[in-house]
Amino acid sequence: MNTTNLTVPIFIHSNILGLISIKLLLQINIQKLIWASLIVMLLCVDNQFKTIFTGIFNISRHFKYWFVNDFLAMYL
């Protein structure tokens, strides 16, 4: 019956980790992110690249917290 007592702090903790990783990404790799987004925008003009990048985006959205944990393990 007390599952809400466990899930709420874990949810808040994972959101805080996500915000920390976003701040670190913006501080460290802002130029790389800008260049990567420009390249992705240029490649997405072609339909094949568009489907590839949307597939990668959907996969990365599902495994978002894995990438966050790997990033924190690398840089902290």
N, C-alpha and C. Protein backbone atom coordinates (compact mmCIF):
# COMPACT_ATOMS: atom_id res chain seq x y z
N MET A 1 0.81 -1.21 0.00
CA MET A 1 0.00 0.00 0.00
C MET A 1 0.85 1.27 0.00
N ASN A 2 2.10 1.16 0.43
CA ASN A 2 2.94 2.34 0.56
C ASN A 2 3.86 2.53 -0.64
N THR A 3 3.37 2.18 -1.83
CA THR A 3 4.23 2.33 -3.00
C THR A 3 4.44 3.80 -3.38
N THR A 4 3.49 4.67 -3.06
CA THR A 4 3.66 6.08 -3.42
C THR A 4 4.80 6.71 -2.63
N ASN A 5 5.05 6.22 -1.43
CA ASN A 5 6.15 6.77 -0.64
C ASN A 5 7.50 6.47 -1.28
N LEU A 6 7.58 5.39 -2.05
CA LEU A 6 8.84 5.03 -2.70
C LEU A 6 8.98 5.67 -4.07
N THR A 7 7.89 5.71 -4.83
CA THR A 7 8.01 6.16 -6.21
C THR A 7 8.20 7.66 -6.32
N VAL A 8 7.61 8.43 -5.43
CA VAL A 8 7.71 9.89 -5.56
C VAL A 8 9.13 10.39 -5.37
N PRO A 9 9.89 9.98 -4.33
CA PRO A 9 11.27 10.46 -4.22
C PRO A 9 12.16 9.99 -5.36
N ILE A 10 11.93 8.77 -5.87
CA ILE A 10 12.73 8.29 -6.99
C ILE A 10 12.45 9.14 -8.23
N PHE A 11 11.18 9.48 -8.46
CA PHE A 11 10.82 10.30 -9.61
C PHE A 11 11.45 11.69 -9.50
N ILE A 12 11.37 12.30 -8.32
CA ILE A 12 11.97 13.62 -8.12
C ILE A 12 13.48 13.55 -8.30
N HIS A 13 14.10 12.48 -7.77
CA HIS A 13 15.54 12.33 -7.87
C HIS A 13 15.98 12.21 -9.32
N SER A 14 15.26 11.42 -10.11
CA SER A 14 15.63 11.25 -11.52
C SER A 14 15.44 12.55 -12.28
N ASN A 15 14.43 13.34 -11.94
CA ASN A 15 14.25 14.63 -12.62
C ASN A 15 15.37 15.59 -12.27
N ILE A 16 15.82 15.58 -11.01
CA ILE A 16 16.94 16.45 -10.62
C ILE A 16 18.20 16.04 -11.37
N LEU A 17 18.44 14.72 -11.50
CA LEU A 17 19.61 14.26 -12.25
C LEU A 17 19.52 14.70 -13.71
N GLY A 18 18.31 14.64 -14.28
CA GLY A 18 18.14 15.09 -15.65
C GLY A 18 18.44 16.57 -15.81
N LEU A 19 17.98 17.38 -14.87
CA LEU A 19 18.25 18.82 -14.94
C LEU A 19 19.74 19.11 -14.79
N ILE A 20 20.42 18.38 -13.88
CA ILE A 20 21.86 18.58 -13.71
C ILE A 20 22.59 18.24 -15.00
N SER A 21 22.22 17.12 -15.64
CA SER A 21 22.92 16.72 -16.86
C SER A 21 22.66 17.72 -17.98
N ILE A 22 21.45 18.28 -18.05
CA ILE A 22 21.16 19.28 -19.08
C ILE A 22 22.00 20.53 -18.85
N LYS A 23 22.15 20.95 -17.58
CA LYS A 23 22.98 22.11 -17.29
C LYS A 23 24.44 21.85 -17.67
N LEU A 24 24.94 20.64 -17.34
CA LEU A 24 26.32 20.32 -17.69
C LEU A 24 26.51 20.28 -19.20
N LEU A 25 25.53 19.71 -19.91
CA LEU A 25 25.64 19.67 -21.37
C LEU A 25 25.67 21.07 -21.95
N LEU A 26 24.84 21.96 -21.42
CA LEU A 26 24.79 23.32 -21.95
C LEU A 26 26.08 24.06 -21.64
N GLN A 27 26.69 23.79 -20.47
CA GLN A 27 27.92 24.49 -20.13
C GLN A 27 29.11 23.97 -20.93
N ILE A 28 29.16 22.64 -21.13
CA ILE A 28 30.36 22.05 -21.72
C ILE A 28 30.31 22.08 -23.24
N ASN A 29 29.20 21.64 -23.81
CA ASN A 29 29.18 21.33 -25.24
C ASN A 29 28.19 22.19 -26.01
N ILE A 30 28.07 23.48 -25.68
CA ILE A 30 27.06 24.29 -26.36
C ILE A 30 27.40 24.45 -27.84
N GLN A 31 28.69 24.61 -28.18
CA GLN A 31 29.05 24.76 -29.59
C GLN A 31 28.85 23.45 -30.34
N LYS A 32 29.20 22.32 -29.70
CA LYS A 32 29.00 21.04 -30.36
C LYS A 32 27.52 20.77 -30.58
N LEU A 33 26.68 21.15 -29.62
CA LEU A 33 25.24 20.95 -29.79
C LEU A 33 24.70 21.79 -30.93
N ILE A 34 25.19 23.03 -31.05
CA ILE A 34 24.73 23.90 -32.14
C ILE A 34 25.12 23.31 -33.49
N TRP A 35 26.39 22.88 -33.62
CA TRP A 35 26.84 22.30 -34.89
C TRP A 35 26.09 21.02 -35.20
N ALA A 36 25.87 20.17 -34.18
CA ALA A 36 25.16 18.91 -34.41
C ALA A 36 23.73 19.18 -34.86
N SER A 37 23.08 20.18 -34.24
CA SER A 37 21.70 20.47 -34.64
C SER A 37 21.64 21.02 -36.06
N LEU A 38 22.64 21.83 -36.45
CA LEU A 38 22.67 22.33 -37.83
C LEU A 38 22.87 21.20 -38.82
N ILE A 39 23.78 20.26 -38.49
CA ILE A 39 24.03 19.13 -39.39
C ILE A 39 22.78 18.27 -39.51
N VAL A 40 22.12 18.03 -38.37
CA VAL A 40 20.90 17.22 -38.40
C VAL A 40 19.82 17.90 -39.23
N MET A 41 19.71 19.24 -39.10
CA MET A 41 18.71 19.96 -39.90
C MET A 41 19.02 19.85 -41.39
N LEU A 42 20.30 19.92 -41.76
CA LEU A 42 20.67 19.80 -43.17
C LEU A 42 20.39 18.39 -43.68
N LEU A 43 20.71 17.38 -42.86
CA LEU A 43 20.51 16.00 -43.29
C LEU A 43 19.03 15.64 -43.35
N CYS A 44 18.22 16.28 -42.52
CA CYS A 44 16.79 15.95 -42.48
C CYS A 44 16.04 16.45 -43.72
N VAL A 45 16.71 17.23 -44.58
CA VAL A 45 16.07 17.61 -45.84
C VAL A 45 15.79 16.36 -46.66
N ASP A 46 16.72 15.40 -46.60
CA ASP A 46 16.51 14.13 -47.29
C ASP A 46 15.58 13.26 -46.45
N ASN A 47 14.65 12.58 -47.11
CA ASN A 47 13.65 11.80 -46.38
C ASN A 47 14.24 10.60 -45.67
N GLN A 48 15.26 9.97 -46.28
CA GLN A 48 15.86 8.81 -45.64
C GLN A 48 16.52 9.21 -44.32
N PHE A 49 17.28 10.30 -44.35
CA PHE A 49 17.92 10.74 -43.12
C PHE A 49 16.88 11.17 -42.09
N LYS A 50 15.77 11.72 -42.57
CA LYS A 50 14.72 12.16 -41.65
C LYS A 50 14.16 10.98 -40.87
N THR A 51 13.89 9.87 -41.56
CA THR A 51 13.36 8.70 -40.86
C THR A 51 14.41 8.12 -39.92
N ILE A 52 15.69 8.14 -40.34
CA ILE A 52 16.74 7.60 -39.47
C ILE A 52 16.83 8.41 -38.19
N PHE A 53 16.84 9.75 -38.32
CA PHE A 53 17.00 10.58 -37.13
C PHE A 53 15.77 10.55 -36.24
N THR A 54 14.58 10.44 -36.83
CA THR A 54 13.40 10.33 -35.97
C THR A 54 13.41 9.00 -35.23
N GLY A 55 13.90 7.93 -35.88
CA GLY A 55 14.02 6.64 -35.19
C GLY A 55 15.00 6.71 -34.05
N ILE A 56 16.16 7.35 -34.29
CA ILE A 56 17.16 7.50 -33.22
C ILE A 56 16.58 8.33 -32.08
N PHE A 57 15.85 9.40 -32.43
CA PHE A 57 15.26 10.25 -31.40
C PHE A 57 14.26 9.48 -30.56
N ASN A 58 13.42 8.66 -31.20
CA ASN A 58 12.44 7.88 -30.45
C ASN A 58 13.11 6.87 -29.53
N ILE A 59 14.18 6.23 -30.02
CA ILE A 59 14.90 5.26 -29.18
C ILE A 59 15.54 5.98 -28.00
N SER A 60 16.19 7.12 -28.25
CA SER A 60 16.88 7.82 -27.16
C SER A 60 15.89 8.38 -26.15
N ARG A 61 14.66 8.69 -26.60
CA ARG A 61 13.66 9.18 -25.67
C ARG A 61 13.23 8.07 -24.71
N HIS A 62 13.19 6.82 -25.21
CA HIS A 62 12.81 5.71 -24.34
C HIS A 62 13.91 5.42 -23.31
N PHE A 63 15.17 5.55 -23.71
CA PHE A 63 16.27 5.21 -22.82
C PHE A 63 16.94 6.48 -22.28
N LYS A 64 16.12 7.49 -22.03
CA LYS A 64 16.63 8.80 -21.62
C LYS A 64 17.46 8.71 -20.34
N TYR A 65 16.96 7.98 -19.36
CA TYR A 65 17.65 7.96 -18.07
C TYR A 65 18.92 7.13 -18.13
N TRP A 66 19.01 6.18 -19.06
CA TRP A 66 20.28 5.48 -19.25
C TRP A 66 21.34 6.45 -19.71
N PHE A 67 21.01 7.31 -20.68
CA PHE A 67 21.98 8.27 -21.18
C PHE A 67 22.36 9.28 -20.10
N VAL A 68 21.39 9.67 -19.29
CA VAL A 68 21.67 10.62 -18.21
C VAL A 68 22.63 10.00 -17.22
N ASN A 69 22.40 8.73 -16.84
CA ASN A 69 23.28 8.07 -15.88
C ASN A 69 24.67 7.87 -16.45
N ASP A 70 24.77 7.51 -17.73
CA ASP A 70 26.09 7.35 -18.35
C ASP A 70 26.83 8.68 -18.39
N PHE A 71 26.12 9.75 -18.69
CA PHE A 71 26.75 11.08 -18.76
C PHE A 71 27.26 11.49 -17.38
N LEU A 72 26.45 11.28 -16.35
CA LEU A 72 26.88 11.64 -15.01
C LEU A 72 28.04 10.77 -14.56
N ALA A 73 28.06 9.50 -14.94
CA ALA A 73 29.17 8.63 -14.56
C ALA A 73 30.46 9.06 -15.25
N MET A 74 30.35 9.60 -16.47
CA MET A 74 31.55 10.01 -17.19
C MET A 74 32.12 11.32 -16.65
N TYR A 75 31.25 12.26 -16.30
CA TYR A 75 31.73 13.62 -16.00
C TYR A 75 31.71 13.98 -14.53
N LEU A 76 31.18 13.12 -13.66
CA LEU A 76 31.18 13.45 -12.23
C LEU A 76 32.02 12.48 -11.43
